[in-house]
Amino acid sequence: MNKHILFRVGEQVYAISIADTDRVVHVENYTIVPDVSSYVIGMQDIEGTIVPMIDLSERFFNQRLESYDQSDTVVVNWKEEKVGLTVNEVLSVESYSDEQISEKEQTTQKVDGASTSYISAFVQTKDGIVPILNPHALFSAAQAEEMQALLAINNIQN
């Protein structure tokens, strides 16, 4: 059985493997960073590690979350670093068998101008089909470069 965290971004439910996550936290005491992409909320200290916080609704749908106070953040492992994915709410932790998960053919094609390479598979649930995200593929090359630059600041300060 594969365990996944289910969370809601806008009206869509997504899943991410527990193996790719670190913890769930709330956005608090974050520092806004100027001149970064609109989906970067800021940087937050999470138990001594400075983590970039990403508004996943803004990243996926160009719609900022209404209130960070009422949202959850899934801290994920991204390229050997930690990144916070702020979502409307974390719903549950679910276990799925290999038979329930349909692997998506790896592609970097864009659908309606948006890359779907960050969706690694789909799982059929009683409530519908849930995309499973690959946190390592959430950002384009340019976006990943921006994330690395933000994370490099933390490495210099330590």
C-alpha atoms as a PDB file:
ATOM      1  CA  MET A   1       0.000   0.000   0.000  1.00  0.00           C
ATOM      2  CA  ASN A   2       1.164   3.491  -0.893  1.00  0.00           C
ATOM      3  CA  LYS A   3       0.307   6.257   1.579  1.00  0.00           C
ATOM      4  CA  HIS A   4      -0.579   9.707   0.233  1.00  0.00           C
ATOM      5  CA  ILE A   5      -1.594  13.045   1.714  1.00  0.00           C
ATOM      6  CA  LEU A   6      -4.753  14.349   0.062  1.00  0.00           C
ATOM      7  CA  PHE A   7      -5.272  18.103  -0.107  1.00  0.00           C
ATOM      8  CA  ARG A   8      -7.478  20.609  -1.860  1.00  0.00           C
ATOM      9  CA  VAL A   9      -6.295  23.410  -4.131  1.00  0.00           C
ATOM     10  CA  GLY A  10      -9.282  25.436  -5.285  1.00  0.00           C
ATOM     11  CA  GLU A  11     -11.944  22.886  -6.159  1.00  0.00           C
ATOM     12  CA  GLN A  12      -9.465  20.123  -7.127  1.00  0.00           C
ATOM     13  CA  VAL A  13      -8.192  17.396  -4.794  1.00  0.00           C
ATOM     14  CA  TYR A  14      -4.554  16.326  -5.267  1.00  0.00           C
ATOM     15  CA  ALA A  15      -2.380  13.709  -3.616  1.00  0.00           C
ATOM     16  CA  ILE A  16       1.306  13.536  -2.858  1.00  0.00           C
ATOM     17  CA  SER A  17       3.222  10.522  -1.607  1.00  0.00           C
ATOM     18  CA  ILE A  18       4.034  10.505   2.096  1.00  0.00           C
ATOM     19  CA  ALA A  19       7.586   9.546   1.055  1.00  0.00           C
ATOM     20  CA  ASP A  20       7.910  12.974  -0.627  1.00  0.00           C
ATOM     21  CA  THR A  21       6.683  14.944   2.387  1.00  0.00           C
ATOM     22  CA  ASP A  22       8.243  16.155   5.603  1.00  0.00           C
ATOM     23  CA  ARG A  23       5.340  17.598   7.615  1.00  0.00           C
ATOM     24  CA  VAL A  24       2.224  19.767   7.548  1.00  0.00           C
ATOM     25  CA  VAL A  25       2.457  23.263   9.067  1.00  0.00           C
ATOM     26  CA  HIS A  26       0.612  26.572   9.018  1.00  0.00           C
ATOM     27  CA  VAL A  27       1.911  29.720   7.359  1.00  0.00           C
ATOM     28  CA  GLU A  28       3.054  32.046  10.124  1.00  0.00           C
ATOM     29  CA  ASN A  29       5.742  34.636  10.680  1.00  0.00           C
ATOM     30  CA  TYR A  30       6.885  34.483   7.072  1.00  0.00           C
ATOM     31  CA  THR A  31       9.100  37.044   5.396  1.00  0.00           C
ATOM     32  CA  ILE A  32       8.025  38.470   2.057  1.00  0.00           C
ATOM     33  CA  VAL A  33      10.779  38.421  -0.556  1.00  0.00           C
ATOM     34  CA  PRO A  34      10.651  41.168  -3.218  1.00  0.00           C
ATOM     35  CA  ASP A  35      11.014  40.556  -6.957  1.00  0.00           C
ATOM     36  CA  VAL A  36      10.090  36.868  -6.959  1.00  0.00           C
ATOM     37  CA  SER A  37       7.322  35.026  -8.780  1.00  0.00           C
ATOM     38  CA  SER A  38       3.791  35.850  -7.614  1.00  0.00           C
ATOM     39  CA  TYR A  39       3.251  32.320  -6.264  1.00  0.00           C
ATOM     40  CA  VAL A  40       6.130  32.686  -3.770  1.00  0.00           C
ATOM     41  CA  ILE A  41       4.454  33.728  -0.507  1.00  0.00           C
ATOM     42  CA  GLY A  42       7.780  34.263   1.226  1.00  0.00           C
ATOM     43  CA  MET A  43      10.263  32.449   3.431  1.00  0.00           C
ATOM     44  CA  GLN A  44       9.412  30.819   6.757  1.00  0.00           C
ATOM     45  CA  ASP A  45      11.599  29.347   9.491  1.00  0.00           C
ATOM     46  CA  ILE A  46      10.404  25.801  10.161  1.00  0.00           C
ATOM     47  CA  GLU A  47      12.341  24.306  13.056  1.00  0.00           C
ATOM     48  CA  GLY A  48      15.568  26.049  12.072  1.00  0.00           C
ATOM     49  CA  THR A  49      15.259  25.564   8.300  1.00  0.00           C
ATOM     50  CA  ILE A  50      14.333  28.510   6.090  1.00  0.00           C
ATOM     51  CA  VAL A  51      11.729  27.224   3.627  1.00  0.00           C
ATOM     52  CA  PRO A  52      10.239  28.962   0.573  1.00  0.00           C
ATOM     53  CA  MET A  53       6.452  28.945   0.851  1.00  0.00           C
ATOM     54  CA  ILE A  54       4.557  28.420  -2.434  1.00  0.00           C
ATOM     55  CA  ASP A  55       0.891  29.333  -2.948  1.00  0.00           C
ATOM     56  CA  LEU A  56      -0.097  26.276  -4.979  1.00  0.00           C
ATOM     57  CA  SER A  57      -3.395  27.872  -6.046  1.00  0.00           C
ATOM     58  CA  GLU A  58      -1.472  30.809  -7.525  1.00  0.00           C
ATOM     59  CA  ARG A  59       1.084  28.436  -9.088  1.00  0.00           C
ATOM     60  CA  PHE A  60      -1.537  26.199 -10.732  1.00  0.00           C
ATOM     61  CA  PHE A  61      -4.504  28.515 -11.367  1.00  0.00           C
ATOM     62  CA  ASN A  62      -3.187  32.111 -11.048  1.00  0.00           C
ATOM     63  CA  GLN A  63      -5.603  32.627  -8.136  1.00  0.00           C
ATOM     64  CA  ARG A  64      -4.118  33.510  -4.762  1.00  0.00           C
ATOM     65  CA  LEU A  65      -5.490  31.735  -1.709  1.00  0.00           C
ATOM     66  CA  GLU A  66      -7.935  33.971   0.137  1.00  0.00           C
ATOM     67  CA  SER A  67      -6.378  33.587   3.572  1.00  0.00           C
ATOM     68  CA  TYR A  68      -3.078  32.023   4.539  1.00  0.00           C
ATOM     69  CA  ASP A  69      -4.298  31.945   8.167  1.00  0.00           C
ATOM     70  CA  GLN A  70      -6.896  29.326   7.260  1.00  0.00           C
ATOM     71  CA  SER A  71      -4.742  27.257   4.894  1.00  0.00           C
ATOM     72  CA  ASP A  72      -2.333  24.376   5.403  1.00  0.00           C
ATOM     73  CA  THR A  73       1.205  23.937   4.108  1.00  0.00           C
ATOM     74  CA  VAL A  74       2.629  20.582   3.094  1.00  0.00           C
ATOM     75  CA  VAL A  75       6.415  20.720   3.424  1.00  0.00           C
ATOM     76  CA  VAL A  76       7.826  18.541   0.642  1.00  0.00           C
ATOM     77  CA  ASN A  77      11.237  17.252  -0.320  1.00  0.00           C
ATOM     78  CA  TRP A  78      12.247  19.027  -3.513  1.00  0.00           C
ATOM     79  CA  LYS A  79      15.660  18.307  -5.038  1.00  0.00           C
ATOM     80  CA  GLU A  80      17.185  17.539  -1.616  1.00  0.00           C
ATOM     81  CA  GLU A  81      15.702  20.725  -0.148  1.00  0.00           C
ATOM     82  CA  LYS A  82      12.459  21.608   1.662  1.00  0.00           C
ATOM     83  CA  VAL A  83       9.694  23.647   0.006  1.00  0.00           C
ATOM     84  CA  GLY A  84       6.312  24.503   1.535  1.00  0.00           C
ATOM     85  CA  LEU A  85       3.253  23.983  -0.683  1.00  0.00           C
ATOM     86  CA  THR A  86       0.427  26.081   0.738  1.00  0.00           C
ATOM     87  CA  VAL A  87      -2.992  24.644  -0.101  1.00  0.00           C
ATOM     88  CA  ASN A  88      -6.611  25.379   0.822  1.00  0.00           C
ATOM     89  CA  GLU A  89      -6.664  22.456   3.234  1.00  0.00           C
ATOM     90  CA  VAL A  90      -5.131  19.072   3.955  1.00  0.00           C
ATOM     91  CA  LEU A  91      -7.954  16.530   3.858  1.00  0.00           C
ATOM     92  CA  SER A  92      -6.550  13.166   4.942  1.00  0.00           C
ATOM     93  CA  VAL A  93      -3.885  10.513   4.625  1.00  0.00           C
ATOM     94  CA  GLU A  94      -4.996   7.609   2.432  1.00  0.00           C
ATOM     95  CA  SER A  95      -3.487   4.282   1.421  1.00  0.00           C
ATOM     96  CA  TYR A  96      -3.771   3.087  -2.175  1.00  0.00           C
ATOM     97  CA  SER A  97      -2.790  -0.217  -3.708  1.00  0.00           C
ATOM     98  CA  ASP A  98      -0.653  -0.346  -6.846  1.00  0.00           C
ATOM     99  CA  GLU A  99      -3.751  -1.479  -8.751  1.00  0.00           C
ATOM    100  CA  GLN A 100      -5.583   1.761  -7.871  1.00  0.00           C
ATOM    101  CA  ILE A 101      -2.770   3.972  -9.163  1.00  0.00           C
ATOM    102  CA  SER A 102      -2.456   4.423 -12.917  1.00  0.00           C
ATOM    103  CA  GLU A 103       0.955   5.695 -13.939  1.00  0.00           C
ATOM    104  CA  LYS A 104       0.852   8.568 -16.379  1.00  0.00           C
ATOM    105  CA  GLU A 105       3.017   8.355 -19.467  1.00  0.00           C
ATOM    106  CA  GLN A 106       5.964  10.673 -18.863  1.00  0.00           C
ATOM    107  CA  THR A 107       5.646  13.732 -21.039  1.00  0.00           C
ATOM    108  CA  THR A 108       6.707  17.322 -21.022  1.00  0.00           C
ATOM    109  CA  GLN A 109       3.947  18.336 -23.414  1.00  0.00           C
ATOM    110  CA  LYS A 110       1.753  21.248 -22.527  1.00  0.00           C
ATOM    111  CA  VAL A 111      -2.017  21.104 -22.398  1.00  0.00           C
ATOM    112  CA  ASP A 112      -3.671  24.473 -23.017  1.00  0.00           C
ATOM    113  CA  GLY A 113      -0.288  26.136 -22.456  1.00  0.00           C
ATOM    114  CA  ALA A 114       0.325  24.517 -19.059  1.00  0.00           C
ATOM    115  CA  SER A 115       2.815  21.779 -18.388  1.00  0.00           C
ATOM    116  CA  THR A 116       1.391  18.677 -16.717  1.00  0.00           C
ATOM    117  CA  SER A 117       4.754  17.025 -16.114  1.00  0.00           C
ATOM    118  CA  TYR A 118       4.302  17.458 -12.353  1.00  0.00           C
ATOM    119  CA  ILE A 119       1.433  14.935 -12.395  1.00  0.00           C
ATOM    120  CA  SER A 120       3.060  11.525 -12.054  1.00  0.00           C
ATOM    121  CA  ALA A 121      -0.052   9.349 -11.802  1.00  0.00           C
ATOM    122  CA  PHE A 122      -3.774   9.263 -11.088  1.00  0.00           C
ATOM    123  CA  VAL A 123      -5.701   7.351  -8.455  1.00  0.00           C
ATOM    124  CA  GLN A 124      -9.366   6.386  -8.709  1.00  0.00           C
ATOM    125  CA  THR A 125     -11.178   7.096  -5.429  1.00  0.00           C
ATOM    126  CA  LYS A 126     -14.821   6.877  -4.430  1.00  0.00           C
ATOM    127  CA  ASP A 127     -15.003  10.662  -4.939  1.00  0.00           C
ATOM    128  CA  GLY A 128     -13.359  10.686  -8.376  1.00  0.00           C
ATOM    129  CA  ILE A 129      -9.959  10.756 -10.026  1.00  0.00           C
ATOM    130  CA  VAL A 130      -7.154  12.360  -8.006  1.00  0.00           C
ATOM    131  CA  PRO A 131      -3.890  13.524  -9.660  1.00  0.00           C
ATOM    132  CA  ILE A 132      -0.736  12.503  -7.772  1.00  0.00           C
ATOM    133  CA  LEU A 133       1.902  15.247  -7.819  1.00  0.00           C
ATOM    134  CA  ASN A 134       5.631  14.767  -8.240  1.00  0.00           C
ATOM    135  CA  PRO A 135       7.156  17.591  -6.155  1.00  0.00           C
ATOM    136  CA  HIS A 136      10.472  17.352  -8.020  1.00  0.00           C
ATOM    137  CA  ALA A 137       8.733  18.380 -11.264  1.00  0.00           C
ATOM    138  CA  LEU A 138       6.583  21.239  -9.940  1.00  0.00           C
ATOM    139  CA  PHE A 139       8.738  23.968 -11.430  1.00  0.00           C
ATOM    140  CA  SER A 140       9.985  24.711 -14.937  1.00  0.00           C
ATOM    141  CA  ALA A 141      13.743  25.157 -15.397  1.00  0.00           C
ATOM    142  CA  ALA A 142      13.492  28.919 -14.846  1.00  0.00           C
ATOM    143  CA  GLN A 143      11.222  28.487 -11.808  1.00  0.00           C
ATOM    144  CA  ALA A 144      13.562  25.845 -10.362  1.00  0.00           C
ATOM    145  CA  GLU A 145      16.462  28.267 -10.787  1.00  0.00           C
ATOM    146  CA  GLU A 146      14.530  30.864  -8.767  1.00  0.00           C
ATOM    147  CA  MET A 147      13.832  28.282  -6.030  1.00  0.00           C
ATOM    148  CA  GLN A 148      17.528  27.301  -5.929  1.00  0.00           C
ATOM    149  CA  ALA A 149      18.490  30.987  -5.590  1.00  0.00           C
ATOM    150  CA  LEU A 150      16.077  31.425  -2.660  1.00  0.00           C
ATOM    151  CA  LEU A 151      17.395  28.282  -0.998  1.00  0.00           C
ATOM    152  CA  ALA A 152      21.011  29.393  -1.570  1.00  0.00           C
ATOM    153  CA  ILE A 153      20.374  32.445   0.623  1.00  0.00           C
ATOM    154  CA  ASN A 154      19.556  30.105   3.520  1.00  0.00           C
ATOM    155  CA  ASN A 155      22.730  28.089   2.905  1.00  0.00           C
ATOM    156  CA  ILE A 156      24.907  31.216   2.999  1.00  0.00           C
ATOM    157  CA  GLN A 157      23.374  32.405   6.280  1.00  0.00           C
ATOM    158  CA  ASN A 158      23.910  29.141   8.178  1.00  0.00           C
END
